[in-house]
Amino acid sequence: MSTPEPTKRVRALLLAAGRGSRFDPSGQRSKLLADFEGQPVAIRALRALRAAGLPVTAVVRERGELAERLALAGAEVVIFPGAQAGMGASLAHGVQCVRRACAPDALVVALGDMPSIRPETIHALLAEVDDDHPIVAPEYGGRRGHPVVFWHSRLDALSGLDGDRGAAALLRSDTPTLVEVDDAAILLDIDEPGDLPAG
């Protein structure tokens, strides 16, 4: 297992509290538990963060199979029933939980429905984030993707988010530094069944 820069205290936050209504409007099938090359989508996303050497806090909306499997795979799981308020609320809650447990220099915010991001991509972002580059995001083919890394100076702003827009407004007012990576997976999220690999 590779590790991030030793001079930076880093934690990852995995957002896994969404309903995934585009994947299954009935709510019967969770996209985060759907099979992606032999593993559930969210477990693949978690293991990419763990392979980068990061401790991970995962935010889920309720106790159940997803929470149990994430915990078994090595995440600290936070139950957030208020997740129906949107990704911004889940993100803020997760940041608050992380900050109560530790004081990270940097926080990697990752999405539970992005299962294929390379550990090397995460390391490239962590190498750039600092006082002068407090928000860092990956770029592939001219498009910005995920995860996004936030320096500790931006965690107050994340803690105050609400609603369903995540950190989008913050990223518009506080432009991230973009790091070109050779990793198309930064753009791959699972929104619909057709986004899963065939077979």
Protein backbone atom coordinates (compact mmCIF):
# COMPACT_ATOMS: atom_id res chain seq x y z
CA MET A 1 0.00 0.00 0.00
CA SER A 2 1.39 3.40 -0.97
CA THR A 3 1.13 6.36 1.36
CA PRO A 4 0.58 10.10 0.94
CA GLU A 5 3.26 12.66 1.69
CA PRO A 6 4.41 12.14 5.30
CA THR A 7 4.46 15.88 5.99
CA LYS A 8 0.70 16.18 5.45
CA ARG A 9 -1.96 14.75 7.73
CA VAL A 10 -4.59 13.60 5.27
CA ARG A 11 -8.02 12.07 5.62
CA ALA A 12 -10.50 11.01 2.97
CA LEU A 13 -14.26 11.57 3.07
CA LEU A 14 -16.35 9.21 0.95
CA LEU A 15 -19.84 10.48 0.19
CA ALA A 16 -22.18 7.49 -0.03
CA ALA A 17 -25.50 8.82 1.23
CA GLY A 18 -27.31 9.54 -2.03
CA ARG A 19 -30.52 7.79 -3.08
CA GLY A 20 -29.38 7.09 -6.64
CA SER A 21 -32.84 7.76 -8.05
CA ARG A 22 -31.58 7.91 -11.63
CA PHE A 23 -30.16 4.40 -11.23
CA ASP A 24 -33.42 2.96 -9.88
CA PRO A 25 -36.38 5.35 -9.44
CA SER A 26 -38.14 2.73 -7.28
CA GLY A 27 -35.33 2.84 -4.73
CA GLN A 28 -35.16 -0.95 -4.60
CA ARG A 29 -31.67 -1.32 -6.08
CA SER A 30 -28.70 0.60 -4.72
CA LYS A 31 -26.19 1.70 -7.30
CA LEU A 32 -23.52 1.76 -4.59
CA LEU A 33 -24.02 -1.98 -4.05
CA ALA A 34 -24.22 -2.81 -7.74
CA ASP A 35 -21.48 -5.07 -9.05
CA PHE A 36 -18.55 -3.33 -10.71
CA GLU A 37 -15.95 -5.84 -11.93
CA GLY A 38 -16.60 -8.19 -9.04
CA GLN A 39 -17.04 -5.67 -6.22
CA PRO A 40 -19.79 -3.25 -5.17
CA VAL A 41 -19.34 0.21 -6.63
CA ALA A 42 -18.84 1.93 -3.25
CA ILE A 43 -16.38 -0.70 -2.03
CA ARG A 44 -14.27 -0.17 -5.15
CA ALA A 45 -14.31 3.58 -4.48
CA LEU A 46 -13.31 3.01 -0.85
CA ARG A 47 -10.50 0.62 -1.74
CA ALA A 48 -8.98 3.14 -4.14
CA LEU A 49 -8.70 5.60 -1.25
CA ARG A 50 -7.32 2.93 1.07
CA ALA A 51 -4.79 1.90 -1.59
CA ALA A 52 -3.56 5.50 -1.58
CA GLY A 53 -2.79 5.07 2.12
CA LEU A 54 -5.65 7.17 3.44
CA PRO A 55 -7.91 6.65 6.45
CA VAL A 56 -11.48 7.02 5.23
CA THR A 57 -14.69 8.31 6.78
CA ALA A 58 -17.76 7.26 4.78
CA VAL A 59 -21.10 9.06 5.11
CA VAL A 60 -24.21 6.91 4.55
CA ARG A 61 -27.87 7.70 5.13
CA GLU A 62 -28.86 4.65 7.20
CA ARG A 63 -27.69 1.48 8.85
CA GLY A 64 -27.84 -1.52 6.55
CA GLU A 65 -25.84 -3.53 4.06
CA LEU A 66 -23.94 -0.58 2.59
CA ALA A 67 -22.83 0.68 6.00
CA GLU A 68 -21.82 -2.82 7.07
CA ARG A 69 -19.81 -3.54 3.96
CA LEU A 70 -18.00 -0.22 4.06
CA ALA A 71 -17.08 -0.81 7.71
CA LEU A 72 -15.81 -4.31 6.92
CA ALA A 73 -13.70 -2.85 4.10
CA GLY A 74 -11.99 -0.45 6.49
CA ALA A 75 -14.01 2.75 6.59
CA GLU A 76 -15.15 4.66 9.64
CA VAL A 77 -18.87 4.86 8.87
CA VAL A 78 -21.01 7.84 9.83
CA ILE A 79 -24.80 7.49 9.70
CA PHE A 80 -26.51 10.71 8.58
CA PRO A 81 -30.32 10.47 8.43
CA GLY A 82 -30.44 14.09 7.26
CA ALA A 83 -28.91 13.10 3.93
CA GLN A 84 -32.25 13.71 2.21
CA ALA A 85 -31.37 17.42 2.42
CA GLY A 86 -28.77 16.83 -0.28
CA MET A 87 -25.09 16.30 -0.95
CA GLY A 88 -24.12 19.63 0.58
CA ALA A 89 -25.64 18.62 3.90
CA SER A 90 -23.94 15.20 3.78
CA LEU A 91 -20.61 16.78 2.93
CA ALA A 92 -20.89 19.31 5.75
CA HIS A 93 -21.82 16.59 8.24
CA GLY A 94 -18.91 14.42 7.14
CA VAL A 95 -16.43 17.27 7.43
CA GLN A 96 -17.69 18.08 10.91
CA CYS A 97 -17.25 14.44 11.97
CA VAL A 98 -13.72 14.27 10.56
CA ARG A 99 -12.73 17.49 12.32
CA ARG A 100 -14.06 16.26 15.65
CA ALA A 101 -11.92 13.14 15.31
CA CYS A 102 -8.72 14.75 14.03
CA ALA A 103 -7.24 17.92 12.57
CA PRO A 104 -6.25 17.04 9.00
CA ASP A 105 -4.02 19.25 6.91
CA ALA A 106 -5.94 18.14 3.84
CA LEU A 107 -9.20 16.38 3.12
CA VAL A 108 -9.82 14.29 0.01
CA VAL A 109 -13.53 14.45 -0.86
CA ALA A 110 -14.50 11.47 -2.99
CA LEU A 111 -17.80 10.16 -4.34
CA GLY A 112 -19.06 6.68 -3.60
CA ASP A 113 -20.24 6.17 -7.18
CA MET A 114 -16.78 6.70 -8.75
CA PRO A 115 -15.18 3.26 -8.49
CA SER A 116 -12.05 3.36 -10.63
CA ILE A 117 -9.88 6.31 -9.60
CA ARG A 118 -6.20 5.41 -9.38
CA PRO A 119 -4.22 5.89 -6.15
CA GLU A 120 -1.58 7.70 -8.22
CA THR A 121 -4.16 10.32 -9.11
CA ILE A 122 -4.85 10.97 -5.44
CA HIS A 123 -1.13 11.28 -4.74
CA ALA A 124 -0.74 13.80 -7.57
CA LEU A 125 -3.44 15.98 -6.03
CA LEU A 126 -1.99 15.73 -2.54
CA ALA A 127 1.42 16.79 -3.85
CA GLU A 128 -0.08 20.11 -4.97
CA VAL A 129 -2.41 21.09 -2.13
CA ASP A 130 -1.00 23.65 0.34
CA ASP A 131 -1.49 27.21 1.55
CA ASP A 132 -0.99 28.58 -1.96
CA HIS A 133 -3.20 25.94 -3.61
CA PRO A 134 -5.95 25.30 -1.05
CA ILE A 135 -8.30 23.47 -3.44
CA VAL A 136 -6.95 21.00 -5.96
CA ALA A 137 -8.87 18.96 -8.53
CA PRO A 138 -7.88 16.56 -11.32
CA GLU A 139 -8.32 17.29 -15.00
CA TYR A 140 -8.46 14.85 -17.90
CA GLY A 141 -8.98 15.83 -21.51
CA GLY A 142 -9.77 19.40 -20.50
CA ARG A 143 -12.52 18.35 -18.08
CA ARG A 144 -12.40 18.70 -14.32
CA GLY A 145 -13.25 15.62 -12.30
CA HIS A 146 -13.13 14.05 -8.84
CA PRO A 147 -11.93 13.67 -6.16
CA VAL A 148 -11.30 17.20 -4.93
CA VAL A 149 -8.72 17.92 -2.23
CA PHE A 150 -9.26 20.74 0.27
CA TRP A 151 -6.59 22.32 2.46
CA HIS A 152 -7.49 22.83 6.12
CA SER A 153 -8.11 26.54 5.51
CA ARG A 154 -11.20 25.63 3.46
CA LEU A 155 -12.79 23.19 5.90
CA ASP A 156 -14.83 25.88 7.66
CA ALA A 157 -16.51 26.66 4.34
CA LEU A 158 -17.23 22.97 3.72
CA SER A 159 -18.67 22.58 7.21
CA GLY A 160 -21.20 25.30 6.45
CA LEU A 161 -22.63 23.79 3.27
CA ASP A 162 -26.25 22.70 2.94
CA GLY A 163 -28.72 21.63 0.30
CA ASP A 164 -28.10 19.56 -2.79
CA ARG A 165 -25.29 21.41 -4.54
CA GLY A 166 -22.31 19.95 -2.72
CA ALA A 167 -19.23 22.15 -3.00
CA ALA A 168 -20.16 23.53 -6.44
CA ALA A 169 -20.74 27.08 -5.24
CA LEU A 170 -17.50 27.07 -3.28
CA LEU A 171 -15.59 25.85 -6.34
CA ARG A 172 -17.04 28.69 -8.41
CA SER A 173 -15.94 31.35 -5.95
CA ASP A 174 -12.67 29.71 -4.93
CA THR A 175 -11.23 28.36 -8.17
CA PRO A 176 -9.37 25.09 -7.73
CA THR A 177 -5.89 24.41 -9.01
CA LEU A 178 -6.20 21.80 -11.75
CA VAL A 179 -3.76 18.91 -12.06
CA GLU A 180 -3.64 17.11 -15.40
CA VAL A 181 -3.76 13.35 -14.82
CA ASP A 182 -3.73 10.32 -17.09
CA ASP A 183 -6.82 8.84 -15.47
CA ALA A 184 -10.13 8.93 -17.33
CA ALA A 185 -11.80 7.44 -14.25
CA ILE A 186 -11.94 10.91 -12.67
CA LEU A 187 -14.89 11.50 -15.02
CA LEU A 188 -16.59 8.11 -14.59
CA ASP A 189 -19.52 7.99 -12.19
CA ILE A 190 -22.29 5.44 -12.02
CA ASP A 191 -25.60 7.23 -12.54
CA GLU A 192 -27.56 4.64 -14.53
CA PRO A 193 -27.37 0.85 -15.00
CA GLY A 194 -25.86 1.42 -18.43
CA ASP A 195 -22.81 2.99 -16.80
CA LEU A 196 -21.82 -0.37 -15.34
CA PRO A 197 -19.41 -2.60 -17.27
CA ALA A 198 -21.11 -5.07 -19.59
CA GLY A 199 -21.39 -8.61 -18.30
